[in-house]
N, C-alpha and C. Protein backbone atom coordinates (compact mmCIF):
# COMPACT_ATOMS: atom_id res chain seq x y z
N UNK A 1 -29.80 268.69 39.39
CA UNK A 1 -30.12 269.71 40.39
C UNK A 1 -28.98 270.71 40.48
N UNK A 2 -29.27 271.99 40.47
CA UNK A 2 -28.21 272.99 40.52
C UNK A 2 -27.35 272.82 41.75
N UNK A 3 -26.07 273.06 41.59
CA UNK A 3 -25.14 272.91 42.70
C UNK A 3 -25.11 274.21 43.48
N UNK A 4 -25.91 274.29 44.52
CA UNK A 4 -25.97 275.49 45.32
C UNK A 4 -25.85 275.12 46.77
N UNK A 5 -25.38 276.05 47.58
CA UNK A 5 -25.24 275.81 49.01
C UNK A 5 -25.81 276.99 49.76
N UNK A 6 -26.37 276.75 50.97
CA UNK A 6 -26.99 277.84 51.71
C UNK A 6 -25.98 278.89 52.11
N UNK A 7 -26.31 280.14 51.90
CA UNK A 7 -25.39 281.22 52.24
C UNK A 7 -25.54 281.64 53.69
N UNK A 8 -26.64 281.22 54.34
CA UNK A 8 -26.89 281.62 55.72
C UNK A 8 -27.25 280.39 56.53
N UNK A 9 -26.27 279.57 56.90
CA UNK A 9 -26.56 278.33 57.62
C UNK A 9 -27.30 278.64 58.92
N UNK A 10 -28.29 277.79 59.23
CA UNK A 10 -29.07 277.94 60.44
C UNK A 10 -28.95 276.67 61.27
N UNK A 11 -29.27 276.73 62.57
CA UNK A 11 -29.17 275.53 63.39
C UNK A 11 -30.00 274.38 62.86
N UNK A 12 -31.17 274.66 62.26
CA UNK A 12 -32.01 273.56 61.81
C UNK A 12 -31.55 273.00 60.47
N UNK A 13 -30.43 273.52 59.93
CA UNK A 13 -29.83 272.92 58.75
C UNK A 13 -29.07 271.64 59.10
N UNK A 14 -28.81 271.42 60.37
CA UNK A 14 -28.01 270.28 60.82
C UNK A 14 -28.74 268.98 60.51
N UNK A 15 -28.18 268.12 59.64
CA UNK A 15 -28.88 266.90 59.27
C UNK A 15 -28.96 265.88 60.38
N UNK A 16 -28.18 266.07 61.46
CA UNK A 16 -28.16 265.06 62.52
C UNK A 16 -29.23 265.30 63.57
N UNK A 17 -29.85 266.46 63.58
CA UNK A 17 -30.86 266.73 64.58
C UNK A 17 -30.26 266.91 65.95
N UNK A 18 -31.11 266.91 66.98
CA UNK A 18 -30.63 267.13 68.34
C UNK A 18 -30.56 265.84 69.15
N UNK A 19 -31.18 264.78 68.65
CA UNK A 19 -31.19 263.51 69.38
C UNK A 19 -30.73 262.38 68.48
N UNK A 20 -29.57 262.49 67.93
CA UNK A 20 -29.05 261.47 67.04
C UNK A 20 -28.81 260.19 67.82
N UNK A 21 -29.08 259.06 67.21
CA UNK A 21 -28.76 257.77 67.80
C UNK A 21 -27.64 257.14 67.01
N UNK A 22 -27.00 256.17 67.58
CA UNK A 22 -25.90 255.49 66.89
C UNK A 22 -26.40 254.24 66.23
N UNK A 23 -25.77 253.86 65.15
CA UNK A 23 -26.18 252.68 64.41
C UNK A 23 -25.72 251.43 65.13
N UNK A 24 -26.58 250.43 65.17
CA UNK A 24 -26.21 249.14 65.73
C UNK A 24 -25.80 248.22 64.59
N UNK A 25 -25.10 247.10 64.86
CA UNK A 25 -24.69 246.20 63.79
C UNK A 25 -25.87 245.71 62.96
N UNK A 26 -27.03 245.47 63.62
CA UNK A 26 -28.18 244.96 62.87
C UNK A 26 -28.71 245.97 61.88
N UNK A 27 -28.43 247.26 62.13
CA UNK A 27 -28.90 248.29 61.22
C UNK A 27 -27.95 248.48 60.05
N UNK A 28 -26.70 248.16 60.24
CA UNK A 28 -25.73 248.40 59.18
C UNK A 28 -25.59 247.22 58.23
N UNK A 29 -25.86 245.97 58.71
CA UNK A 29 -25.68 244.85 57.80
C UNK A 29 -26.94 244.54 56.99
N UNK A 30 -28.05 245.21 57.31
CA UNK A 30 -29.26 245.06 56.52
C UNK A 30 -30.07 243.83 56.84
N UNK A 31 -29.60 242.97 57.81
CA UNK A 31 -30.27 241.72 58.08
C UNK A 31 -31.62 241.90 58.76
N UNK A 32 -31.81 242.99 59.47
CA UNK A 32 -33.06 243.21 60.20
C UNK A 32 -33.79 244.46 59.71
N UNK A 33 -33.50 244.87 58.52
CA UNK A 33 -34.22 246.01 57.95
C UNK A 33 -35.63 245.56 57.60
N UNK A 34 -36.66 246.25 58.10
CA UNK A 34 -38.05 245.85 57.82
C UNK A 34 -38.34 245.78 56.33
N UNK A 35 -39.26 244.89 55.98
CA UNK A 35 -39.58 244.67 54.58
C UNK A 35 -40.08 245.93 53.90
N UNK A 36 -40.96 246.70 54.58
CA UNK A 36 -41.48 247.91 53.95
C UNK A 36 -40.41 248.97 53.76
N UNK A 37 -39.37 248.93 54.60
CA UNK A 37 -38.25 249.85 54.43
C UNK A 37 -37.43 249.45 53.20
N UNK A 38 -37.20 248.15 53.03
CA UNK A 38 -36.44 247.68 51.87
C UNK A 38 -37.18 247.99 50.57
N UNK A 39 -38.51 247.97 50.62
CA UNK A 39 -39.29 248.21 49.40
C UNK A 39 -39.49 249.70 49.13
N UNK A 40 -39.19 250.54 50.08
CA UNK A 40 -39.45 251.97 49.94
C UNK A 40 -38.65 252.54 48.77
N UNK A 41 -39.35 253.19 47.84
CA UNK A 41 -38.69 253.58 46.59
C UNK A 41 -38.65 255.08 46.36
N UNK A 42 -38.99 255.88 47.35
CA UNK A 42 -38.89 257.33 47.17
C UNK A 42 -37.43 257.76 47.33
N UNK A 43 -37.14 258.93 46.80
CA UNK A 43 -35.82 259.56 46.90
C UNK A 43 -34.73 258.79 46.15
N UNK A 44 -35.09 257.81 45.32
CA UNK A 44 -34.07 257.08 44.59
C UNK A 44 -33.34 257.97 43.59
N UNK A 45 -34.01 259.04 43.15
CA UNK A 45 -33.36 259.98 42.23
C UNK A 45 -32.27 260.79 42.93
N UNK A 46 -32.22 260.68 44.25
CA UNK A 46 -31.24 261.44 45.02
C UNK A 46 -30.02 260.60 45.38
N UNK A 47 -29.92 259.39 44.85
CA UNK A 47 -28.77 258.54 45.15
C UNK A 47 -27.48 259.26 44.81
N UNK A 48 -26.58 259.31 45.77
CA UNK A 48 -25.29 259.96 45.56
C UNK A 48 -25.27 261.43 45.87
N UNK A 49 -26.42 262.02 46.15
CA UNK A 49 -26.48 263.46 46.45
C UNK A 49 -26.05 263.72 47.89
N UNK A 50 -25.25 264.75 48.10
CA UNK A 50 -24.82 265.12 49.44
C UNK A 50 -25.90 265.96 50.11
N UNK A 51 -25.99 265.83 51.44
CA UNK A 51 -27.01 266.57 52.18
C UNK A 51 -26.90 268.07 51.93
N UNK A 52 -25.70 268.61 51.98
CA UNK A 52 -25.52 270.06 51.83
C UNK A 52 -26.03 270.56 50.49
N UNK A 53 -25.85 269.76 49.45
CA UNK A 53 -26.32 270.19 48.13
C UNK A 53 -27.84 270.19 48.07
N UNK A 54 -28.46 269.14 48.60
CA UNK A 54 -29.92 269.08 48.63
C UNK A 54 -30.47 270.21 49.49
N UNK A 55 -29.84 270.44 50.63
CA UNK A 55 -30.30 271.47 51.54
C UNK A 55 -30.18 272.86 50.92
N UNK A 56 -29.09 273.10 50.22
CA UNK A 56 -28.91 274.39 49.56
C UNK A 56 -29.96 274.63 48.50
N UNK A 57 -30.27 273.59 47.74
CA UNK A 57 -31.30 273.72 46.71
C UNK A 57 -32.64 274.09 47.33
N UNK A 58 -33.00 273.42 48.41
CA UNK A 58 -34.28 273.70 49.07
C UNK A 58 -34.29 275.09 49.69
N UNK A 59 -33.18 275.47 50.31
CA UNK A 59 -33.11 276.77 50.97
C UNK A 59 -33.25 277.93 49.98
N UNK A 60 -32.81 277.70 48.76
CA UNK A 60 -32.93 278.75 47.74
C UNK A 60 -34.37 278.92 47.25
N UNK A 61 -35.21 277.91 47.48
CA UNK A 61 -36.55 277.93 46.90
C UNK A 61 -37.69 277.77 47.91
N UNK A 62 -37.38 277.28 49.10
CA UNK A 62 -38.42 277.08 50.11
C UNK A 62 -37.88 277.52 51.47
N UNK A 63 -38.71 277.36 52.50
CA UNK A 63 -38.28 277.68 53.86
C UNK A 63 -37.85 276.44 54.64
N UNK A 64 -37.99 275.25 54.06
CA UNK A 64 -37.69 274.03 54.80
C UNK A 64 -36.30 273.52 54.48
N UNK A 65 -35.77 272.75 55.40
CA UNK A 65 -34.47 272.12 55.20
C UNK A 65 -34.66 270.74 54.57
N UNK A 66 -33.57 270.17 54.09
CA UNK A 66 -33.63 268.83 53.53
C UNK A 66 -34.06 267.82 54.59
N UNK A 67 -33.61 268.01 55.81
CA UNK A 67 -33.98 267.13 56.92
C UNK A 67 -35.49 267.17 57.15
N UNK A 68 -36.05 268.37 57.20
CA UNK A 68 -37.49 268.52 57.45
C UNK A 68 -38.31 267.97 56.29
N UNK A 69 -37.85 268.23 55.08
CA UNK A 69 -38.55 267.75 53.89
C UNK A 69 -38.62 266.22 53.88
N UNK A 70 -37.46 265.59 54.06
CA UNK A 70 -37.40 264.13 54.00
C UNK A 70 -38.24 263.49 55.10
N UNK A 71 -38.12 263.99 56.31
CA UNK A 71 -38.83 263.38 57.43
C UNK A 71 -40.33 263.62 57.33
N UNK A 72 -40.75 264.79 56.86
CA UNK A 72 -42.18 265.03 56.67
C UNK A 72 -42.75 264.05 55.64
N UNK A 73 -42.00 263.80 54.57
CA UNK A 73 -42.44 262.83 53.57
C UNK A 73 -42.56 261.43 54.16
N UNK A 74 -41.58 261.05 54.97
CA UNK A 74 -41.59 259.73 55.59
C UNK A 74 -42.74 259.60 56.58
N UNK A 75 -43.02 260.65 57.33
CA UNK A 75 -44.12 260.61 58.30
C UNK A 75 -45.46 260.42 57.60
N UNK A 76 -45.59 260.98 56.41
CA UNK A 76 -46.83 260.79 55.64
C UNK A 76 -46.92 259.38 55.08
N UNK A 77 -45.78 258.81 54.70
CA UNK A 77 -45.76 257.48 54.09
C UNK A 77 -45.82 256.35 55.10
N UNK A 78 -45.30 256.59 56.30
CA UNK A 78 -45.29 255.55 57.33
C UNK A 78 -46.30 255.89 58.44
N UNK A 79 -47.49 256.22 58.02
CA UNK A 79 -48.58 256.49 58.95
C UNK A 79 -49.53 255.29 58.99
N UNK A 80 -49.85 254.86 60.17
CA UNK A 80 -50.79 253.75 60.36
C UNK A 80 -52.04 254.26 61.08
N UNK A 81 -52.95 253.35 61.37
CA UNK A 81 -54.18 253.73 62.07
C UNK A 81 -53.89 254.24 63.47
N UNK A 82 -52.77 253.83 64.03
CA UNK A 82 -52.42 254.23 65.40
C UNK A 82 -51.46 255.41 65.45
N UNK A 83 -51.02 255.88 64.29
CA UNK A 83 -50.12 257.03 64.28
C UNK A 83 -48.92 256.82 63.37
N UNK A 84 -47.97 257.73 63.46
CA UNK A 84 -46.76 257.67 62.62
C UNK A 84 -45.73 256.76 63.27
N UNK A 85 -45.09 255.93 62.45
CA UNK A 85 -44.07 255.00 62.94
C UNK A 85 -42.73 255.72 63.08
N UNK A 86 -42.63 256.57 64.08
CA UNK A 86 -41.45 257.42 64.23
C UNK A 86 -40.20 256.63 64.58
N UNK A 87 -40.36 255.58 65.37
CA UNK A 87 -39.20 254.76 65.72
C UNK A 87 -38.63 254.08 64.48
N UNK A 88 -39.52 253.52 63.66
CA UNK A 88 -39.07 252.86 62.43
C UNK A 88 -38.39 253.86 61.50
N UNK A 89 -38.97 255.03 61.36
CA UNK A 89 -38.38 256.06 60.50
C UNK A 89 -36.99 256.44 61.00
N UNK A 90 -36.88 256.72 62.28
CA UNK A 90 -35.60 257.15 62.84
C UNK A 90 -34.52 256.09 62.75
N UNK A 91 -34.88 254.84 63.06
CA UNK A 91 -33.90 253.76 63.05
C UNK A 91 -33.40 253.43 61.66
N UNK A 92 -34.23 253.69 60.65
CA UNK A 92 -33.88 253.31 59.28
C UNK A 92 -33.71 254.50 58.34
N UNK A 93 -33.48 255.67 58.91
CA UNK A 93 -33.40 256.88 58.09
C UNK A 93 -32.37 256.79 56.97
N UNK A 94 -31.14 256.30 57.22
CA UNK A 94 -30.16 256.20 56.12
C UNK A 94 -30.59 255.23 55.03
N UNK A 95 -31.38 254.21 55.39
CA UNK A 95 -31.88 253.26 54.39
C UNK A 95 -32.98 253.88 53.54
N UNK A 96 -33.73 254.78 54.13
CA UNK A 96 -34.89 255.36 53.46
C UNK A 96 -34.55 256.56 52.59
N UNK A 97 -33.58 257.36 53.03
CA UNK A 97 -33.23 258.60 52.34
C UNK A 97 -31.73 258.63 52.07
N UNK A 98 -31.32 258.64 50.80
CA UNK A 98 -29.89 258.54 50.46
C UNK A 98 -29.02 259.62 51.07
N UNK A 99 -29.53 260.84 51.20
CA UNK A 99 -28.68 261.93 51.68
C UNK A 99 -28.69 262.09 53.21
N UNK A 100 -29.41 261.23 53.91
CA UNK A 100 -29.39 261.24 55.37
C UNK A 100 -28.47 260.11 55.84
N UNK A 101 -27.48 260.44 56.65
CA UNK A 101 -26.45 259.46 57.00
C UNK A 101 -26.53 258.97 58.44
N UNK A 102 -27.37 259.56 59.27
CA UNK A 102 -27.47 259.17 60.67
C UNK A 102 -28.88 258.71 61.01
N UNK A 103 -28.96 257.84 62.02
CA UNK A 103 -30.26 257.46 62.54
C UNK A 103 -30.75 258.53 63.51
N UNK A 104 -32.06 258.55 63.73
CA UNK A 104 -32.68 259.54 64.61
C UNK A 104 -33.49 258.85 65.71
N UNK A 105 -33.61 259.53 66.83
CA UNK A 105 -34.53 259.07 67.86
C UNK A 105 -35.95 259.47 67.45
N UNK A 106 -36.98 258.83 68.03
CA UNK A 106 -38.36 259.24 67.72
C UNK A 106 -38.60 260.72 68.04
N UNK A 107 -37.95 261.21 69.09
CA UNK A 107 -38.12 262.62 69.46
C UNK A 107 -37.58 263.55 68.38
N UNK A 108 -36.44 263.19 67.79
CA UNK A 108 -35.85 264.01 66.74
C UNK A 108 -36.70 263.98 65.48
N UNK A 109 -37.28 262.81 65.18
CA UNK A 109 -38.18 262.70 64.03
C UNK A 109 -39.39 263.61 64.24
N UNK A 110 -39.96 263.55 65.42
CA UNK A 110 -41.13 264.38 65.73
C UNK A 110 -40.80 265.87 65.68
N UNK A 111 -39.61 266.22 66.14
CA UNK A 111 -39.18 267.62 66.12
C UNK A 111 -39.07 268.13 64.68
N UNK A 112 -38.50 267.33 63.79
CA UNK A 112 -38.36 267.74 62.39
C UNK A 112 -39.72 267.87 61.73
N UNK A 113 -40.62 266.95 62.02
CA UNK A 113 -41.96 267.03 61.44
C UNK A 113 -42.70 268.28 61.93
N UNK A 114 -42.59 268.56 63.23
CA UNK A 114 -43.25 269.74 63.79
C UNK A 114 -42.70 271.02 63.19
N UNK A 115 -41.38 271.06 62.96
CA UNK A 115 -40.75 272.23 62.36
C UNK A 115 -41.25 272.43 60.94
N UNK A 116 -41.40 271.34 60.19
CA UNK A 116 -41.92 271.41 58.82
C UNK A 116 -43.34 271.97 58.83
N UNK A 117 -44.18 271.45 59.71
CA UNK A 117 -45.57 271.90 59.76
C UNK A 117 -45.67 273.38 60.13
N UNK A 118 -44.82 273.81 61.06
CA UNK A 118 -44.84 275.22 61.47
C UNK A 118 -44.46 276.14 60.31
N UNK A 119 -43.44 275.73 59.55
CA UNK A 119 -42.99 276.56 58.43
C UNK A 119 -44.03 276.59 57.30
N UNK A 120 -44.69 275.46 57.07
CA UNK A 120 -45.74 275.43 56.05
C UNK A 120 -46.89 276.36 56.44
N UNK A 121 -47.26 276.34 57.72
CA UNK A 121 -48.33 277.21 58.20
C UNK A 121 -47.98 278.68 58.03
N UNK A 122 -46.77 279.06 58.42
CA UNK A 122 -46.35 280.45 58.31
C UNK A 122 -46.22 280.87 56.85
N UNK A 123 -45.68 279.99 56.02
CA UNK A 123 -45.55 280.31 54.60
C UNK A 123 -46.92 280.46 53.96
N UNK A 124 -47.85 279.58 54.34
CA UNK A 124 -49.20 279.65 53.79
C UNK A 124 -49.90 280.94 54.17
N UNK A 125 -49.73 281.35 55.44
CA UNK A 125 -50.34 282.60 55.89
C UNK A 125 -49.77 283.80 55.14
N UNK A 126 -48.45 283.78 54.92
CA UNK A 126 -47.80 284.88 54.20
C UNK A 126 -48.29 284.95 52.76
N UNK A 127 -48.35 283.79 52.11
CA UNK A 127 -48.79 283.75 50.72
C UNK A 127 -50.25 284.19 50.59
N UNK A 128 -51.11 283.67 51.47
CA UNK A 128 -52.52 284.00 51.37
C UNK A 128 -52.76 285.48 51.65
N UNK A 129 -52.02 286.04 52.59
CA UNK A 129 -52.15 287.47 52.84
C UNK A 129 -51.77 288.26 51.60
N UNK A 130 -50.66 287.87 50.96
CA UNK A 130 -50.25 288.56 49.74
C UNK A 130 -51.30 288.47 48.65
N UNK A 131 -51.96 287.30 48.56
CA UNK A 131 -52.99 287.12 47.54
C UNK A 131 -54.25 287.92 47.85
N UNK A 132 -54.57 288.07 49.14
CA UNK A 132 -55.81 288.73 49.54
C UNK A 132 -55.66 290.24 49.69
N UNK A 133 -54.45 290.71 49.81
CA UNK A 133 -54.22 292.11 50.17
C UNK A 133 -54.33 293.08 49.01
N UNK A 134 -54.33 292.56 47.78
CA UNK A 134 -54.38 293.44 46.63
C UNK A 134 -53.02 293.90 46.15
N UNK A 135 -51.95 293.32 46.69
CA UNK A 135 -50.60 293.68 46.25
C UNK A 135 -50.33 293.23 44.82
N UNK A 136 -51.02 292.18 44.38
CA UNK A 136 -50.77 291.60 43.07
C UNK A 136 -52.00 291.76 42.17
N UNK A 137 -51.76 292.02 40.90
CA UNK A 137 -52.84 291.98 39.92
C UNK A 137 -53.16 290.52 39.63
N UNK A 138 -54.25 290.29 38.91
CA UNK A 138 -54.63 288.92 38.56
C UNK A 138 -53.52 288.25 37.74
N UNK A 139 -52.92 289.00 36.83
CA UNK A 139 -51.85 288.44 35.99
C UNK A 139 -50.61 288.12 36.82
N UNK A 140 -50.27 289.02 37.74
CA UNK A 140 -49.10 288.78 38.59
C UNK A 140 -49.32 287.58 39.50
N UNK A 141 -50.55 287.43 39.98
CA UNK A 141 -50.86 286.29 40.84
C UNK A 141 -50.78 284.99 40.06
N UNK A 142 -51.22 285.00 38.81
CA UNK A 142 -51.10 283.81 37.97
C UNK A 142 -49.64 283.44 37.75
N UNK A 143 -48.79 284.44 37.50
CA UNK A 143 -47.37 284.18 37.31
C UNK A 143 -46.73 283.63 38.58
N UNK A 144 -47.12 284.19 39.71
CA UNK A 144 -46.60 283.72 40.99
C UNK A 144 -47.00 282.27 41.24
N UNK A 145 -48.27 281.96 40.98
CA UNK A 145 -48.75 280.60 41.16
C UNK A 145 -48.02 279.63 40.26
N UNK A 146 -47.72 280.06 39.04
CA UNK A 146 -46.99 279.19 38.11
C UNK A 146 -45.61 278.86 38.66
N UNK A 147 -44.92 279.87 39.16
CA UNK A 147 -43.56 279.67 39.68
C UNK A 147 -43.54 278.72 40.87
N UNK A 148 -44.42 278.95 41.82
CA UNK A 148 -44.40 278.10 43.02
C UNK A 148 -44.90 276.69 42.71
N UNK A 149 -45.82 276.59 41.76
CA UNK A 149 -46.31 275.26 41.38
C UNK A 149 -45.21 274.45 40.71
N UNK A 150 -44.38 275.10 39.90
CA UNK A 150 -43.29 274.40 39.24
C UNK A 150 -42.30 273.85 40.26
N UNK A 151 -41.99 274.62 41.30
CA UNK A 151 -41.08 274.13 42.34
C UNK A 151 -41.71 272.95 43.07
N UNK A 152 -42.98 273.07 43.41
CA UNK A 152 -43.66 272.00 44.13
C UNK A 152 -43.70 270.72 43.29
N UNK A 153 -43.99 270.85 41.99
CA UNK A 153 -44.03 269.68 41.12
C UNK A 153 -42.65 269.04 41.01
N UNK A 154 -41.61 269.86 40.95
CA UNK A 154 -40.26 269.31 40.87
C UNK A 154 -39.93 268.48 42.11
N UNK A 155 -40.30 268.99 43.27
CA UNK A 155 -40.03 268.25 44.51
C UNK A 155 -40.80 266.93 44.53
N UNK A 156 -42.03 266.95 44.05
CA UNK A 156 -42.80 265.71 43.97
C UNK A 156 -42.14 264.70 43.04
N UNK A 157 -41.64 265.19 41.92
CA UNK A 157 -40.97 264.31 40.96
C UNK A 157 -39.69 263.72 41.56
N UNK A 158 -38.95 264.54 42.30
CA UNK A 158 -37.73 264.06 42.94
C UNK A 158 -38.05 262.99 43.97
N UNK A 159 -39.17 263.16 44.67
CA UNK A 159 -39.59 262.15 45.65
C UNK A 159 -39.94 260.83 44.98
N UNK A 160 -40.31 260.89 43.71
CA UNK A 160 -40.69 259.68 43.01
C UNK A 160 -42.14 259.64 42.58
N UNK A 161 -42.83 260.77 42.68
CA UNK A 161 -44.23 260.83 42.25
C UNK A 161 -44.29 261.15 40.76
N UNK A 162 -44.94 260.29 40.01
CA UNK A 162 -45.08 260.50 38.57
C UNK A 162 -46.42 261.16 38.27
N UNK A 163 -46.37 262.37 37.75
CA UNK A 163 -47.58 263.10 37.39
C UNK A 163 -47.75 263.11 35.88
N UNK A 164 -48.88 262.62 35.41
CA UNK A 164 -49.17 262.68 33.98
C UNK A 164 -49.45 264.12 33.59
N UNK A 165 -49.24 264.41 32.31
CA UNK A 165 -49.44 265.78 31.83
C UNK A 165 -50.86 266.26 32.10
N UNK A 166 -51.83 265.37 31.91
CA UNK A 166 -53.23 265.74 32.15
C UNK A 166 -53.47 266.04 33.62
N UNK A 167 -52.81 265.28 34.50
CA UNK A 167 -52.96 265.51 35.94
C UNK A 167 -52.34 266.85 36.33
N UNK A 168 -51.19 267.17 35.75
CA UNK A 168 -50.54 268.44 36.04
C UNK A 168 -51.43 269.61 35.64
N UNK A 169 -52.00 269.53 34.45
CA UNK A 169 -52.86 270.61 33.97
C UNK A 169 -54.10 270.74 34.84
N UNK A 170 -54.65 269.61 35.26
CA UNK A 170 -55.83 269.64 36.10
C UNK A 170 -55.54 270.31 37.44
N UNK A 171 -54.39 269.96 38.02
CA UNK A 171 -54.00 270.56 39.30
C UNK A 171 -53.80 272.06 39.14
N UNK A 172 -53.10 272.46 38.08
CA UNK A 172 -52.84 273.89 37.85
C UNK A 172 -54.14 274.66 37.65
N UNK A 173 -55.08 274.08 36.91
CA UNK A 173 -56.36 274.75 36.67
C UNK A 173 -57.14 274.91 37.97
N UNK A 174 -57.13 273.89 38.79
CA UNK A 174 -57.87 273.96 40.05
C UNK A 174 -57.27 275.02 40.97
N UNK A 175 -55.94 275.04 41.04
CA UNK A 175 -55.28 276.03 41.89
C UNK A 175 -55.58 277.44 41.40
N UNK A 176 -55.52 277.64 40.08
CA UNK A 176 -55.80 278.97 39.51
C UNK A 176 -57.23 279.40 39.82
N UNK A 177 -58.18 278.47 39.70
CA UNK A 177 -59.58 278.79 39.99
C UNK A 177 -59.76 279.20 41.44
N UNK A 178 -59.12 278.46 42.34
CA UNK A 178 -59.23 278.78 43.77
C UNK A 178 -58.64 280.15 44.06
N UNK A 179 -57.47 280.45 43.48
CA UNK A 179 -56.83 281.73 43.75
C UNK A 179 -57.63 282.89 43.17
N UNK A 180 -58.27 282.69 42.03
CA UNK A 180 -59.12 283.75 41.48
C UNK A 180 -60.31 284.02 42.40
N UNK A 181 -60.88 282.94 42.95
CA UNK A 181 -61.98 283.11 43.90
C UNK A 181 -61.53 283.85 45.14
N UNK A 182 -60.33 283.52 45.62
CA UNK A 182 -59.78 284.20 46.80
C UNK A 182 -59.61 285.69 46.50
N UNK A 183 -59.06 286.00 45.35
CA UNK A 183 -58.82 287.41 44.99
C UNK A 183 -60.13 288.17 44.87
N UNK A 184 -61.12 287.59 44.20
CA UNK A 184 -62.40 288.27 44.03
C UNK A 184 -63.10 288.49 45.37
N UNK A 185 -63.06 287.48 46.22
CA UNK A 185 -63.70 287.62 47.53
C UNK A 185 -63.02 288.68 48.37
N UNK A 186 -61.69 288.71 48.33
CA UNK A 186 -60.97 289.71 49.11
C UNK A 186 -61.20 291.11 48.56
N UNK A 187 -61.35 291.24 47.24
CA UNK A 187 -61.63 292.55 46.64
C UNK A 187 -62.99 293.06 47.10
N UNK A 188 -63.97 292.18 47.14
CA UNK A 188 -65.30 292.58 47.61
C UNK A 188 -65.23 293.02 49.07
N UNK A 189 -64.50 292.25 49.86
CA UNK A 189 -64.39 292.57 51.28
C UNK A 189 -63.72 293.92 51.49
N UNK A 190 -62.61 294.16 50.78
CA UNK A 190 -61.90 295.43 50.94
C UNK A 190 -62.75 296.60 50.45
N UNK A 191 -63.50 296.36 49.36
CA UNK A 191 -64.35 297.43 48.82
C UNK A 191 -65.44 297.80 49.81
N UNK A 192 -66.04 296.80 50.44
CA UNK A 192 -67.09 297.06 51.42
C UNK A 192 -66.53 297.79 52.64
N UNK A 193 -65.33 297.40 53.06
CA UNK A 193 -64.73 298.02 54.24
C UNK A 193 -64.35 299.48 53.99
N UNK A 194 -63.96 299.78 52.75
CA UNK A 194 -63.52 301.15 52.44
C UNK A 194 -64.64 302.02 51.89
N UNK A 195 -65.80 301.42 51.67
CA UNK A 195 -66.94 302.20 51.18
C UNK A 195 -66.99 302.34 49.68
N UNK A 196 -66.07 301.69 48.95
CA UNK A 196 -66.10 301.75 47.49
C UNK A 196 -67.20 300.84 46.96
N UNK A 197 -67.58 301.08 45.73
CA UNK A 197 -68.56 300.23 45.07
C UNK A 197 -68.03 298.80 45.04
N UNK A 198 -68.73 297.89 45.72
CA UNK A 198 -68.21 296.52 45.80
C UNK A 198 -68.41 295.73 44.52
N UNK A 199 -69.03 296.34 43.50
CA UNK A 199 -69.18 295.65 42.23
C UNK A 199 -67.98 295.85 41.32
N UNK A 200 -67.10 296.78 41.67
CA UNK A 200 -65.91 297.03 40.87
C UNK A 200 -64.68 297.05 41.75
N UNK A 201 -63.54 296.71 41.16
CA UNK A 201 -62.28 296.72 41.89
C UNK A 201 -61.91 298.17 42.21
N UNK A 202 -61.57 298.48 43.48
CA UNK A 202 -61.23 299.86 43.83
C UNK A 202 -59.92 300.33 43.23
N UNK A 203 -59.11 299.41 42.71
CA UNK A 203 -57.80 299.77 42.17
C UNK A 203 -57.83 299.98 40.65
N UNK A 204 -58.47 299.05 39.96
CA UNK A 204 -58.42 299.12 38.50
C UNK A 204 -59.78 299.37 37.86
N UNK A 205 -60.85 299.34 38.67
CA UNK A 205 -62.18 299.56 38.12
C UNK A 205 -62.77 298.35 37.44
N UNK A 206 -62.06 297.22 37.48
CA UNK A 206 -62.55 296.00 36.83
C UNK A 206 -63.82 295.52 37.52
N UNK A 207 -64.79 295.10 36.73
CA UNK A 207 -66.04 294.61 37.30
C UNK A 207 -65.80 293.26 37.96
N UNK A 208 -66.29 293.11 39.18
CA UNK A 208 -66.13 291.87 39.91
C UNK A 208 -67.27 290.93 39.60
N UNK A 209 -66.93 289.68 39.36
CA UNK A 209 -67.97 288.69 39.02
C UNK A 209 -68.62 288.17 40.30
């Protein structure tokens, strides 16, 4: 992973959160670490990585912090029929994620997850607007999708998700198909709103399928 650090530190870059808890002896000697925590095998590729380095890498490529990324992943993995095991995640955070050194309260875990969800929503709205607005040609949109997909796949691999080559291609094809449909639908909508022939693109004259 490239050695980069955030040039514009923000309050939510703080890996300790706002409700840090202190480690008890039972948490440090490993004698009472839950079995599913001991078996948890994600983030093993990050052994030895410092929080600041991971955070800088993410900040250069996404809107989320290392803290938000890790906790969002844990919340997805430690979800039961009754909800997310936030207490277990917070109490065992250093055991679960190599670059996290402090335990968290359930409130701090929930705060990080909520922050992640908010940023994903805003990023998604920004991206979709860009795709629907006509700012990008079909070729430019394909290039953009390739770049963001590569970053997303890398993060999945770092987490420990193994994607076969056929699976990667299938995912990329599906995403490309969806984005082409989005672009075509938005072109028709804009053409109808502006009074242009909705059978052709108002910008390039390309026939719409």
